Amino acid sequence: MISELNTSRKVVGAKQVKRALRDRCAARLYMAIDADPRLLQPLVQEAVRQQVPVEQVSSMKELGAACGIAVGAAVAILLK
């Protein structure tokens, strides 16, 4: 599933994810298990409220690499 992030439209980072959720254009949310829970909690709650599937990734480094960026990422969204 995480391989979708390489080829599909996506946004990476808490601010962009929050905006995508607000605009209701999220298809799937990916979150890194080792990210700060205070950052992830409101985003995951909103995704669940909107019935957006949530996938866990083992590390921020792995999520960042899947998104094609050189740094770790706490959260990313696959866009509709």
Protein backbone atom coordinates (compact mmCIF):
# COMPACT_ATOMS: atom_id res chain seq x y z
CA MET A 1 0.00 0.00 0.00
CA ILE A 2 2.78 2.45 0.85
CA SER A 3 4.12 2.07 -2.70
CA GLU A 4 1.10 4.10 -3.87
CA LEU A 5 2.83 7.19 -2.50
CA ASN A 6 5.57 6.95 -5.14
CA THR A 7 3.26 7.30 -8.10
CA SER A 8 0.05 8.96 -6.92
CA ARG A 9 -0.90 12.49 -5.96
CA LYS A 10 -0.08 13.10 -2.32
CA VAL A 11 0.62 15.70 0.32
CA VAL A 12 3.25 15.32 3.03
CA GLY A 13 3.45 17.01 6.41
CA ALA A 14 1.01 17.93 9.15
CA LYS A 15 -0.08 21.31 7.78
CA GLN A 16 -0.77 20.02 4.28
CA VAL A 17 -2.51 16.93 5.65
CA LYS A 18 -4.72 19.08 7.86
CA ARG A 19 -5.64 21.21 4.83
CA ALA A 20 -6.42 18.12 2.70
CA LEU A 21 -8.65 16.73 5.43
CA ARG A 22 -10.42 20.07 5.78
CA ASP A 23 -11.01 20.16 2.02
CA ARG A 24 -12.21 16.53 2.09
CA CYS A 25 -9.87 15.39 -0.68
CA ALA A 26 -8.12 12.59 1.25
CA ALA A 27 -8.29 9.00 0.04
CA ARG A 28 -5.91 7.37 2.58
CA LEU A 29 -3.80 8.64 5.48
CA TYR A 30 -0.35 7.22 6.25
CA MET A 31 1.19 7.83 9.66
CA ALA A 32 4.61 6.96 11.05
CA ILE A 33 4.47 4.99 14.28
CA ASP A 34 7.51 6.80 15.70
CA ALA A 35 6.07 10.30 15.14
CA ASP A 36 4.89 12.55 17.99
CA PRO A 37 1.41 11.35 19.08
CA ARG A 38 0.37 14.92 19.92
CA LEU A 39 0.88 15.80 16.27
CA LEU A 40 -0.84 12.71 14.88
CA GLN A 41 -3.84 12.39 17.19
CA PRO A 42 -6.03 15.21 15.83
CA LEU A 43 -5.22 14.27 12.23
CA VAL A 44 -6.01 10.60 12.75
CA GLN A 45 -9.23 11.47 14.61
CA GLU A 46 -10.38 13.66 11.73
CA ALA A 47 -9.50 10.95 9.20
CA VAL A 48 -11.50 8.38 11.17
CA ARG A 49 -14.42 10.81 11.45
CA GLN A 50 -14.39 11.22 7.65
CA GLN A 51 -14.02 7.43 7.19
CA VAL A 52 -10.62 7.82 5.52
CA PRO A 53 -8.55 4.62 5.88
CA VAL A 54 -5.49 5.00 8.11
CA GLU A 55 -2.31 3.01 7.47
CA GLN A 56 0.63 2.78 9.87
CA VAL A 57 4.22 2.91 8.62
CA SER A 58 7.10 1.61 10.74
CA SER A 59 9.15 4.82 10.75
CA MET A 60 9.25 8.46 9.69
CA LYS A 61 12.30 7.68 7.57
CA GLU A 62 10.44 4.96 5.66
CA LEU A 63 7.42 7.22 5.08
CA GLY A 64 9.62 10.05 3.85
CA ALA A 65 11.42 7.72 1.45
CA ALA A 66 8.10 6.38 0.13
CA CYS A 67 7.01 9.95 -0.54
CA GLY A 68 10.22 10.68 -2.41
CA ILE A 69 11.67 13.19 0.06
CA ALA A 70 15.12 13.14 1.67
CA VAL A 71 13.87 13.62 5.24
CA GLY A 72 11.46 11.74 7.47
CA ALA A 73 7.73 12.40 7.38
CA ALA A 74 5.29 12.00 10.24
CA VAL A 75 2.17 11.91 8.12
CA ALA A 76 1.10 11.86 4.47
CA ILE A 77 -2.16 11.67 2.57
CA LEU A 78 -2.96 10.05 -0.72
CA LEU A 79 -5.33 12.41 -2.58
CA LYS A 80 -8.53 11.41 -4.35
